[in-house]
mmCIF file of all heavy atoms, coordinates in Angstrom:
data_MODEL
# 
_entry.id   MODEL 
# 
loop_
_atom_site.group_PDB 
_atom_site.id 
_atom_site.type_symbol 
_atom_site.label_atom_id 
_atom_site.label_alt_id 
_atom_site.label_comp_id 
_atom_site.label_asym_id 
_atom_site.label_entity_id 
_atom_site.label_seq_id 
_atom_site.pdbx_PDB_ins_code 
_atom_site.Cartn_x 
_atom_site.Cartn_y 
_atom_site.Cartn_z 
_atom_site.occupancy 
_atom_site.B_iso_or_equiv 
_atom_site.pdbx_formal_charge 
_atom_site.auth_seq_id 
_atom_site.auth_comp_id 
_atom_site.auth_asym_id 
_atom_site.auth_atom_id 
_atom_site.pdbx_PDB_model_num 
ATOM 1   N N   . VAL A 1 1  ? 12.537 4.273   3.455  1.00 0.00 ? 1  VAL A N   1 
ATOM 2   C CA  . VAL A 1 1  ? 13.526 5.072   2.774  1.00 0.00 ? 1  VAL A CA  1 
ATOM 3   C C   . VAL A 1 1  ? 14.750 4.254   2.414  1.00 0.00 ? 1  VAL A C   1 
ATOM 4   O O   . VAL A 1 1  ? 15.185 4.207   1.280  1.00 0.00 ? 1  VAL A O   1 
ATOM 5   C CB  . VAL A 1 1  ? 14.014 6.304   3.567  1.00 0.00 ? 1  VAL A CB  1 
ATOM 6   C CG1 . VAL A 1 1  ? 15.199 7.001   2.957  1.00 0.00 ? 1  VAL A CG1 1 
ATOM 7   C CG2 . VAL A 1 1  ? 12.841 7.312   3.717  1.00 0.00 ? 1  VAL A CG2 1 
ATOM 8   N N   . ALA A 1 2  ? 15.165 3.419   3.359  1.00 0.00 ? 2  ALA A N   1 
ATOM 9   C CA  . ALA A 1 2  ? 16.340 2.534   3.096  1.00 0.00 ? 2  ALA A CA  1 
ATOM 10  C C   . ALA A 1 2  ? 15.952 1.482   2.005  1.00 0.00 ? 2  ALA A C   1 
ATOM 11  O O   . ALA A 1 2  ? 16.779 1.202   1.087  1.00 0.00 ? 2  ALA A O   1 
ATOM 12  C CB  . ALA A 1 2  ? 16.705 1.761   4.417  1.00 0.00 ? 2  ALA A CB  1 
ATOM 13  N N   . SER A 1 3  ? 14.799 1.034   2.061  1.00 0.00 ? 3  SER A N   1 
ATOM 14  C CA  . SER A 1 3  ? 14.289 0.073   1.055  1.00 0.00 ? 3  SER A CA  1 
ATOM 15  C C   . SER A 1 3  ? 14.236 0.735   -0.338 1.00 0.00 ? 3  SER A C   1 
ATOM 16  O O   . SER A 1 3  ? 14.616 0.062   -1.363 1.00 0.00 ? 3  SER A O   1 
ATOM 17  C CB  . SER A 1 3  ? 12.904 -0.430  1.396  1.00 0.00 ? 3  SER A CB  1 
ATOM 18  O OG  . SER A 1 3  ? 12.908 -1.272  2.521  1.00 0.00 ? 3  SER A OG  1 
ATOM 19  N N   . LEU A 1 4  ? 13.855 1.974   -0.420 1.00 0.00 ? 4  LEU A N   1 
ATOM 20  C CA  . LEU A 1 4  ? 13.780 2.687   -1.662 1.00 0.00 ? 4  LEU A CA  1 
ATOM 21  C C   . LEU A 1 4  ? 15.256 2.807   -2.301 1.00 0.00 ? 4  LEU A C   1 
ATOM 22  O O   . LEU A 1 4  ? 15.458 2.637   -3.452 1.00 0.00 ? 4  LEU A O   1 
ATOM 23  C CB  . LEU A 1 4  ? 13.241 4.086   -1.525 1.00 0.00 ? 4  LEU A CB  1 
ATOM 24  C CG  . LEU A 1 4  ? 11.802 4.276   -1.486 1.00 0.00 ? 4  LEU A CG  1 
ATOM 25  C CD1 . LEU A 1 4  ? 11.381 5.659   -1.030 1.00 0.00 ? 4  LEU A CD1 1 
ATOM 26  C CD2 . LEU A 1 4  ? 11.108 3.813   -2.773 1.00 0.00 ? 4  LEU A CD2 1 
ATOM 27  N N   . GLN A 1 5  ? 16.222 3.081   -1.391 1.00 0.00 ? 5  GLN A N   1 
ATOM 28  C CA  . GLN A 1 5  ? 17.560 3.204   -1.789 1.00 0.00 ? 5  GLN A CA  1 
ATOM 29  C C   . GLN A 1 5  ? 18.137 1.882   -2.387 1.00 0.00 ? 5  GLN A C   1 
ATOM 30  O O   . GLN A 1 5  ? 19.037 1.916   -3.228 1.00 0.00 ? 5  GLN A O   1 
ATOM 31  C CB  . GLN A 1 5  ? 18.448 3.670   -0.636 1.00 0.00 ? 5  GLN A CB  1 
ATOM 32  C CG  . GLN A 1 5  ? 18.128 5.097   -0.284 1.00 0.00 ? 5  GLN A CG  1 
ATOM 33  C CD  . GLN A 1 5  ? 18.901 5.537   0.960  1.00 0.00 ? 5  GLN A CD  1 
ATOM 34  O OE1 . GLN A 1 5  ? 19.257 4.739   1.855  1.00 0.00 ? 5  GLN A OE1 1 
ATOM 35  N NE2 . GLN A 1 5  ? 19.142 6.814   1.107  1.00 0.00 ? 5  GLN A NE2 1 
ATOM 36  N N   . HIS A 1 6  ? 17.540 0.801   -1.906 1.00 0.00 ? 6  HIS A N   1 
ATOM 37  C CA  . HIS A 1 6  ? 18.008 -0.567  -2.456 1.00 0.00 ? 6  HIS A CA  1 
ATOM 38  C C   . HIS A 1 6  ? 17.055 -0.989  -3.593 1.00 0.00 ? 6  HIS A C   1 
ATOM 39  O O   . HIS A 1 6  ? 17.319 -2.065  -4.084 1.00 0.00 ? 6  HIS A O   1 
ATOM 40  C CB  . HIS A 1 6  ? 17.960 -1.543  -1.294 1.00 0.00 ? 6  HIS A CB  1 
ATOM 41  C CG  . HIS A 1 6  ? 19.021 -1.306  -0.255 1.00 0.00 ? 6  HIS A CG  1 
ATOM 42  N ND1 . HIS A 1 6  ? 18.649 -0.759  0.985  1.00 0.00 ? 6  HIS A ND1 1 
ATOM 43  C CD2 . HIS A 1 6  ? 20.338 -1.387  -0.248 1.00 0.00 ? 6  HIS A CD2 1 
ATOM 44  C CE1 . HIS A 1 6  ? 19.809 -0.597  1.699  1.00 0.00 ? 6  HIS A CE1 1 
ATOM 45  N NE2 . HIS A 1 6  ? 20.820 -0.914  0.976  1.00 0.00 ? 6  HIS A NE2 1 
ATOM 46  N N   . GLY A 1 7  ? 16.087 -0.165  -3.924 1.00 0.00 ? 7  GLY A N   1 
ATOM 47  C CA  . GLY A 1 7  ? 15.224 -0.522  -5.000 1.00 0.00 ? 7  GLY A CA  1 
ATOM 48  C C   . GLY A 1 7  ? 14.187 -1.585  -4.705 1.00 0.00 ? 7  GLY A C   1 
ATOM 49  O O   . GLY A 1 7  ? 13.693 -2.278  -5.621 1.00 0.00 ? 7  GLY A O   1 
ATOM 50  N N   . ASP A 1 8  ? 13.842 -1.802  -3.464 1.00 0.00 ? 8  ASP A N   1 
ATOM 51  C CA  . ASP A 1 8  ? 12.942 -2.856  -3.097 1.00 0.00 ? 8  ASP A CA  1 
ATOM 52  C C   . ASP A 1 8  ? 12.088 -2.362  -1.912 1.00 0.00 ? 8  ASP A C   1 
ATOM 53  O O   . ASP A 1 8  ? 12.184 -2.858  -0.767 1.00 0.00 ? 8  ASP A O   1 
ATOM 54  C CB  . ASP A 1 8  ? 13.763 -4.096  -2.638 1.00 0.00 ? 8  ASP A CB  1 
ATOM 55  C CG  . ASP A 1 8  ? 12.852 -5.251  -2.355 1.00 0.00 ? 8  ASP A CG  1 
ATOM 56  O OD1 . ASP A 1 8  ? 11.757 -5.353  -2.866 1.00 0.00 ? 8  ASP A OD1 1 
ATOM 57  O OD2 . ASP A 1 8  ? 13.310 -6.085  -1.523 1.00 0.00 ? 8  ASP A OD2 1 
ATOM 58  N N   . ALA A 1 9  ? 11.170 -1.438  -2.131 1.00 0.00 ? 9  ALA A N   1 
ATOM 59  C CA  . ALA A 1 9  ? 10.329 -0.912  -1.093 1.00 0.00 ? 9  ALA A CA  1 
ATOM 60  C C   . ALA A 1 9  ? 9.010  -1.646  -0.937 1.00 0.00 ? 9  ALA A C   1 
ATOM 61  O O   . ALA A 1 9  ? 7.969  -1.136  -0.984 1.00 0.00 ? 9  ALA A O   1 
ATOM 62  C CB  . ALA A 1 9  ? 10.004 0.580   -1.365 1.00 0.00 ? 9  ALA A CB  1 
ATOM 63  N N   . THR A 1 10 ? 9.182  -2.948  -0.681 1.00 0.00 ? 10 THR A N   1 
ATOM 64  C CA  . THR A 1 10 ? 7.966  -3.781  -0.438 1.00 0.00 ? 10 THR A CA  1 
ATOM 65  C C   . THR A 1 10 ? 7.725  -3.919  0.993  1.00 0.00 ? 10 THR A C   1 
ATOM 66  O O   . THR A 1 10 ? 8.639  -3.688  1.842  1.00 0.00 ? 10 THR A O   1 
ATOM 67  C CB  . THR A 1 10 ? 8.263  -5.203  -1.056 1.00 0.00 ? 10 THR A CB  1 
ATOM 68  O OG1 . THR A 1 10 ? 9.349  -5.835  -0.387 1.00 0.00 ? 10 THR A OG1 1 
ATOM 69  C CG2 . THR A 1 10 ? 8.540  -5.147  -2.633 1.00 0.00 ? 10 THR A CG2 1 
ATOM 70  N N   . LEU A 1 11 ? 6.565  -4.470  1.329  1.00 0.00 ? 11 LEU A N   1 
ATOM 71  C CA  . LEU A 1 11 ? 6.233  -4.775  2.741  1.00 0.00 ? 11 LEU A CA  1 
ATOM 72  C C   . LEU A 1 11 ? 7.233  -5.725  3.291  1.00 0.00 ? 11 LEU A C   1 
ATOM 73  O O   . LEU A 1 11 ? 7.694  -5.565  4.433  1.00 0.00 ? 11 LEU A O   1 
ATOM 74  C CB  . LEU A 1 11 ? 4.780  -5.307  2.814  1.00 0.00 ? 11 LEU A CB  1 
ATOM 75  C CG  . LEU A 1 11 ? 4.318  -5.854  4.167  1.00 0.00 ? 11 LEU A CG  1 
ATOM 76  C CD1 . LEU A 1 11 ? 4.255  -4.735  5.162  1.00 0.00 ? 11 LEU A CD1 1 
ATOM 77  C CD2 . LEU A 1 11 ? 3.081  -6.591  4.061  1.00 0.00 ? 11 LEU A CD2 1 
ATOM 78  N N   . ASP A 1 12 ? 7.525  -6.771  2.480  1.00 0.00 ? 12 ASP A N   1 
ATOM 79  C CA  . ASP A 1 12 ? 8.518  -7.792  2.972  1.00 0.00 ? 12 ASP A CA  1 
ATOM 80  C C   . ASP A 1 12 ? 9.843  -7.269  3.315  1.00 0.00 ? 12 ASP A C   1 
ATOM 81  O O   . ASP A 1 12 ? 10.487 -7.514  4.381  1.00 0.00 ? 12 ASP A O   1 
ATOM 82  C CB  . ASP A 1 12 ? 8.597  -8.948  1.976  1.00 0.00 ? 12 ASP A CB  1 
ATOM 83  C CG  . ASP A 1 12 ? 7.410  -9.764  1.836  1.00 0.00 ? 12 ASP A CG  1 
ATOM 84  O OD1 . ASP A 1 12 ? 6.558  -9.848  2.817  1.00 0.00 ? 12 ASP A OD1 1 
ATOM 85  O OD2 . ASP A 1 12 ? 7.193  -10.437 0.771  1.00 0.00 ? 12 ASP A OD2 1 
ATOM 86  N N   . SER A 1 13 ? 10.342 -6.389  2.421  1.00 0.00 ? 13 SER A N   1 
ATOM 87  C CA  . SER A 1 13 ? 11.733 -5.863  2.669  1.00 0.00 ? 13 SER A CA  1 
ATOM 88  C C   . SER A 1 13 ? 11.705 -4.912  3.868  1.00 0.00 ? 13 SER A C   1 
ATOM 89  O O   . SER A 1 13 ? 12.678 -4.825  4.635  1.00 0.00 ? 13 SER A O   1 
ATOM 90  C CB  . SER A 1 13 ? 12.225 -5.118  1.466  1.00 0.00 ? 13 SER A CB  1 
ATOM 91  O OG  . SER A 1 13 ? 11.471 -3.979  1.104  1.00 0.00 ? 13 SER A OG  1 
ATOM 92  N N   . THR A 1 14 ? 10.644 -4.115  4.010  1.00 0.00 ? 14 THR A N   1 
ATOM 93  C CA  . THR A 1 14 ? 10.509 -3.218  5.221  1.00 0.00 ? 14 THR A CA  1 
ATOM 94  C C   . THR A 1 14 ? 10.475 -4.019  6.451  1.00 0.00 ? 14 THR A C   1 
ATOM 95  O O   . THR A 1 14 ? 11.152 -3.730  7.415  1.00 0.00 ? 14 THR A O   1 
ATOM 96  C CB  . THR A 1 14 ? 9.333  -2.291  5.024  1.00 0.00 ? 14 THR A CB  1 
ATOM 97  O OG1 . THR A 1 14 ? 9.376  -1.632  3.791  1.00 0.00 ? 14 THR A OG1 1 
ATOM 98  C CG2 . THR A 1 14 ? 9.192  -1.326  6.193  1.00 0.00 ? 14 THR A CG2 1 
ATOM 99  N N   . ALA A 1 15 ? 9.604  -5.040  6.450  1.00 0.00 ? 15 ALA A N   1 
ATOM 100 C CA  . ALA A 1 15 ? 9.469  -5.921  7.608  1.00 0.00 ? 15 ALA A CA  1 
ATOM 101 C C   . ALA A 1 15 ? 10.829 -6.611  7.998  1.00 0.00 ? 15 ALA A C   1 
ATOM 102 O O   . ALA A 1 15 ? 11.247 -6.627  9.178  1.00 0.00 ? 15 ALA A O   1 
ATOM 103 C CB  . ALA A 1 15 ? 8.407  -6.988  7.420  1.00 0.00 ? 15 ALA A CB  1 
ATOM 104 N N   . ARG A 1 16 ? 11.558 -7.091  6.925  1.00 0.00 ? 16 ARG A N   1 
ATOM 105 C CA  . ARG A 1 16 ? 12.863 -7.693  7.198  1.00 0.00 ? 16 ARG A CA  1 
ATOM 106 C C   . ARG A 1 16 ? 13.837 -6.709  7.805  1.00 0.00 ? 16 ARG A C   1 
ATOM 107 O O   . ARG A 1 16 ? 14.482 -7.070  8.760  1.00 0.00 ? 16 ARG A O   1 
ATOM 108 C CB  . ARG A 1 16 ? 13.354 -8.144  5.839  1.00 0.00 ? 16 ARG A CB  1 
ATOM 109 C CG  . ARG A 1 16 ? 14.003 -9.533  5.840  1.00 0.00 ? 16 ARG A CG  1 
ATOM 110 C CD  . ARG A 1 16 ? 14.501 -10.060 4.552  1.00 0.00 ? 16 ARG A CD  1 
ATOM 111 N NE  . ARG A 1 16 ? 14.403 -9.215  3.356  1.00 0.00 ? 16 ARG A NE  1 
ATOM 112 C CZ  . ARG A 1 16 ? 13.455 -9.339  2.413  1.00 0.00 ? 16 ARG A CZ  1 
ATOM 113 N NH1 . ARG A 1 16 ? 12.441 -10.141 2.581  1.00 0.00 ? 16 ARG A NH1 1 
ATOM 114 N NH2 . ARG A 1 16 ? 13.483 -8.550  1.371  1.00 0.00 ? 16 ARG A NH2 1 
ATOM 115 N N   . ALA A 1 17 ? 13.841 -5.474  7.315  1.00 0.00 ? 17 ALA A N   1 
ATOM 116 C CA  . ALA A 1 17 ? 14.703 -4.436  7.859  1.00 0.00 ? 17 ALA A CA  1 
ATOM 117 C C   . ALA A 1 17 ? 14.385 -4.113  9.314  1.00 0.00 ? 17 ALA A C   1 
ATOM 118 O O   . ALA A 1 17 ? 15.282 -3.840  10.121 1.00 0.00 ? 17 ALA A O   1 
ATOM 119 C CB  . ALA A 1 17 ? 14.650 -3.178  7.011  1.00 0.00 ? 17 ALA A CB  1 
ATOM 120 N N   . LEU A 1 18 ? 13.103 -4.260  9.677  1.00 0.00 ? 18 LEU A N   1 
ATOM 121 C CA  . LEU A 1 18 ? 12.677 -3.950  11.040 1.00 0.00 ? 18 LEU A CA  1 
ATOM 122 C C   . LEU A 1 18 ? 12.705 -5.221  11.913 1.00 0.00 ? 18 LEU A C   1 
ATOM 123 O O   . LEU A 1 18 ? 12.360 -5.111  13.128 1.00 0.00 ? 18 LEU A O   1 
ATOM 124 C CB  . LEU A 1 18 ? 11.233 -3.383  10.978 1.00 0.00 ? 18 LEU A CB  1 
ATOM 125 C CG  . LEU A 1 18 ? 11.115 -2.089  10.322 1.00 0.00 ? 18 LEU A CG  1 
ATOM 126 C CD1 . LEU A 1 18 ? 9.748  -1.708  10.065 1.00 0.00 ? 18 LEU A CD1 1 
ATOM 127 C CD2 . LEU A 1 18 ? 11.764 -0.964  11.208 1.00 0.00 ? 18 LEU A CD2 1 
ATOM 128 N N   . LYS A 1 19 ? 13.082 -6.370  11.316 1.00 0.00 ? 19 LYS A N   1 
ATOM 129 C CA  . LYS A 1 19 ? 13.167 -7.622  12.083 1.00 0.00 ? 19 LYS A CA  1 
ATOM 130 C C   . LYS A 1 19 ? 11.816 -8.056  12.717 1.00 0.00 ? 19 LYS A C   1 
ATOM 131 O O   . LYS A 1 19 ? 11.861 -8.462  13.812 1.00 0.00 ? 19 LYS A O   1 
ATOM 132 C CB  . LYS A 1 19 ? 14.291 -7.534  13.168 1.00 0.00 ? 19 LYS A CB  1 
ATOM 133 C CG  . LYS A 1 19 ? 15.671 -7.325  12.527 1.00 0.00 ? 19 LYS A CG  1 
ATOM 134 C CD  . LYS A 1 19 ? 16.766 -7.242  13.573 1.00 0.00 ? 19 LYS A CD  1 
ATOM 135 C CE  . LYS A 1 19 ? 18.130 -7.107  13.104 1.00 0.00 ? 19 LYS A CE  1 
ATOM 136 N NZ  . LYS A 1 19 ? 18.491 -6.322  12.017 1.00 0.00 ? 19 LYS A NZ  1 
ATOM 137 N N   . VAL A 1 20 ? 10.778 -7.898  11.898 1.00 0.00 ? 20 VAL A N   1 
ATOM 138 C CA  . VAL A 1 20 ? 9.485  -8.436  12.243 1.00 0.00 ? 20 VAL A CA  1 
ATOM 139 C C   . VAL A 1 20 ? 8.873  -9.151  11.077 1.00 0.00 ? 20 VAL A C   1 
ATOM 140 O O   . VAL A 1 20 ? 9.380  -8.917  9.903  1.00 0.00 ? 20 VAL A O   1 
ATOM 141 C CB  . VAL A 1 20 ? 8.480  -7.370  12.811 1.00 0.00 ? 20 VAL A CB  1 
ATOM 142 C CG1 . VAL A 1 20 ? 9.014  -6.593  13.985 1.00 0.00 ? 20 VAL A CG1 1 
ATOM 143 C CG2 . VAL A 1 20 ? 8.245  -6.296  11.729 1.00 0.00 ? 20 VAL A CG2 1 
ATOM 144 N N   . SER A 1 21 ? 7.911  -9.920  11.201 1.00 0.00 ? 21 SER A N   1 
ATOM 145 C CA  . SER A 1 21 ? 7.275  -10.545 10.129 1.00 0.00 ? 21 SER A CA  1 
ATOM 146 C C   . SER A 1 21 ? 6.370  -9.579  9.345  1.00 0.00 ? 21 SER A C   1 
ATOM 147 O O   . SER A 1 21 ? 5.980  -8.575  9.900  1.00 0.00 ? 21 SER A O   1 
ATOM 148 C CB  . SER A 1 21 ? 6.417  -11.772 10.563 1.00 0.00 ? 21 SER A CB  1 
ATOM 149 O OG  . SER A 1 21 ? 5.249  -11.309 11.190 1.00 0.00 ? 21 SER A OG  1 
ATOM 150 N N   . SER A 1 22 ? 6.139  -9.835  8.120  1.00 0.00 ? 22 SER A N   1 
ATOM 151 C CA  . SER A 1 22 ? 5.310  -8.999  7.293  1.00 0.00 ? 22 SER A CA  1 
ATOM 152 C C   . SER A 1 22 ? 3.886  -8.855  7.939  1.00 0.00 ? 22 SER A C   1 
ATOM 153 O O   . SER A 1 22 ? 3.323  -7.761  7.974  1.00 0.00 ? 22 SER A O   1 
ATOM 154 C CB  . SER A 1 22 ? 5.122  -9.539  5.871  1.00 0.00 ? 22 SER A CB  1 
ATOM 155 O OG  . SER A 1 22 ? 6.378  -9.590  5.267  1.00 0.00 ? 22 SER A OG  1 
ATOM 156 N N   . ARG A 1 23 ? 3.350  -9.973  8.408  1.00 0.00 ? 23 ARG A N   1 
ATOM 157 C CA  . ARG A 1 23 ? 2.057  -9.975  9.001  1.00 0.00 ? 23 ARG A CA  1 
ATOM 158 C C   . ARG A 1 23 ? 1.996  -9.124  10.242 1.00 0.00 ? 23 ARG A C   1 
ATOM 159 O O   . ARG A 1 23 ? 1.038  -8.376  10.491 1.00 0.00 ? 23 ARG A O   1 
ATOM 160 C CB  . ARG A 1 23 ? 1.523  -11.369 9.249  1.00 0.00 ? 23 ARG A CB  1 
ATOM 161 C CG  . ARG A 1 23 ? 0.102  -11.443 9.771  1.00 0.00 ? 23 ARG A CG  1 
ATOM 162 C CD  . ARG A 1 23 ? -0.907 -11.000 8.687  1.00 0.00 ? 23 ARG A CD  1 
ATOM 163 N NE  . ARG A 1 23 ? -2.159 -10.763 9.279  1.00 0.00 ? 23 ARG A NE  1 
ATOM 164 C CZ  . ARG A 1 23 ? -2.866 -9.678  9.367  1.00 0.00 ? 23 ARG A CZ  1 
ATOM 165 N NH1 . ARG A 1 23 ? -2.449 -8.562  8.770  1.00 0.00 ? 23 ARG A NH1 1 
ATOM 166 N NH2 . ARG A 1 23 ? -4.010 -9.573  9.930  1.00 0.00 ? 23 ARG A NH2 1 
ATOM 167 N N   . THR A 1 24 ? 3.029  -9.252  11.060 1.00 0.00 ? 24 THR A N   1 
ATOM 168 C CA  . THR A 1 24 ? 3.124  -8.423  12.335 1.00 0.00 ? 24 THR A CA  1 
ATOM 169 C C   . THR A 1 24 ? 3.201  -6.994  11.961 1.00 0.00 ? 24 THR A C   1 
ATOM 170 O O   . THR A 1 24 ? 2.507  -6.153  12.581 1.00 0.00 ? 24 THR A O   1 
ATOM 171 C CB  . THR A 1 24 ? 4.357  -8.845  13.173 1.00 0.00 ? 24 THR A CB  1 
ATOM 172 O OG1 . THR A 1 24 ? 4.206  -10.198 13.514 1.00 0.00 ? 24 THR A OG1 1 
ATOM 173 C CG2 . THR A 1 24 ? 4.535  -8.027  14.405 1.00 0.00 ? 24 THR A CG2 1 
# 
């Protein structure tokens, strides 16, 4: 949801927000 608000709802942006790697 936060990523959508910033216009960048990608796996990478979600992972970054959660402080984990995309692969994790």
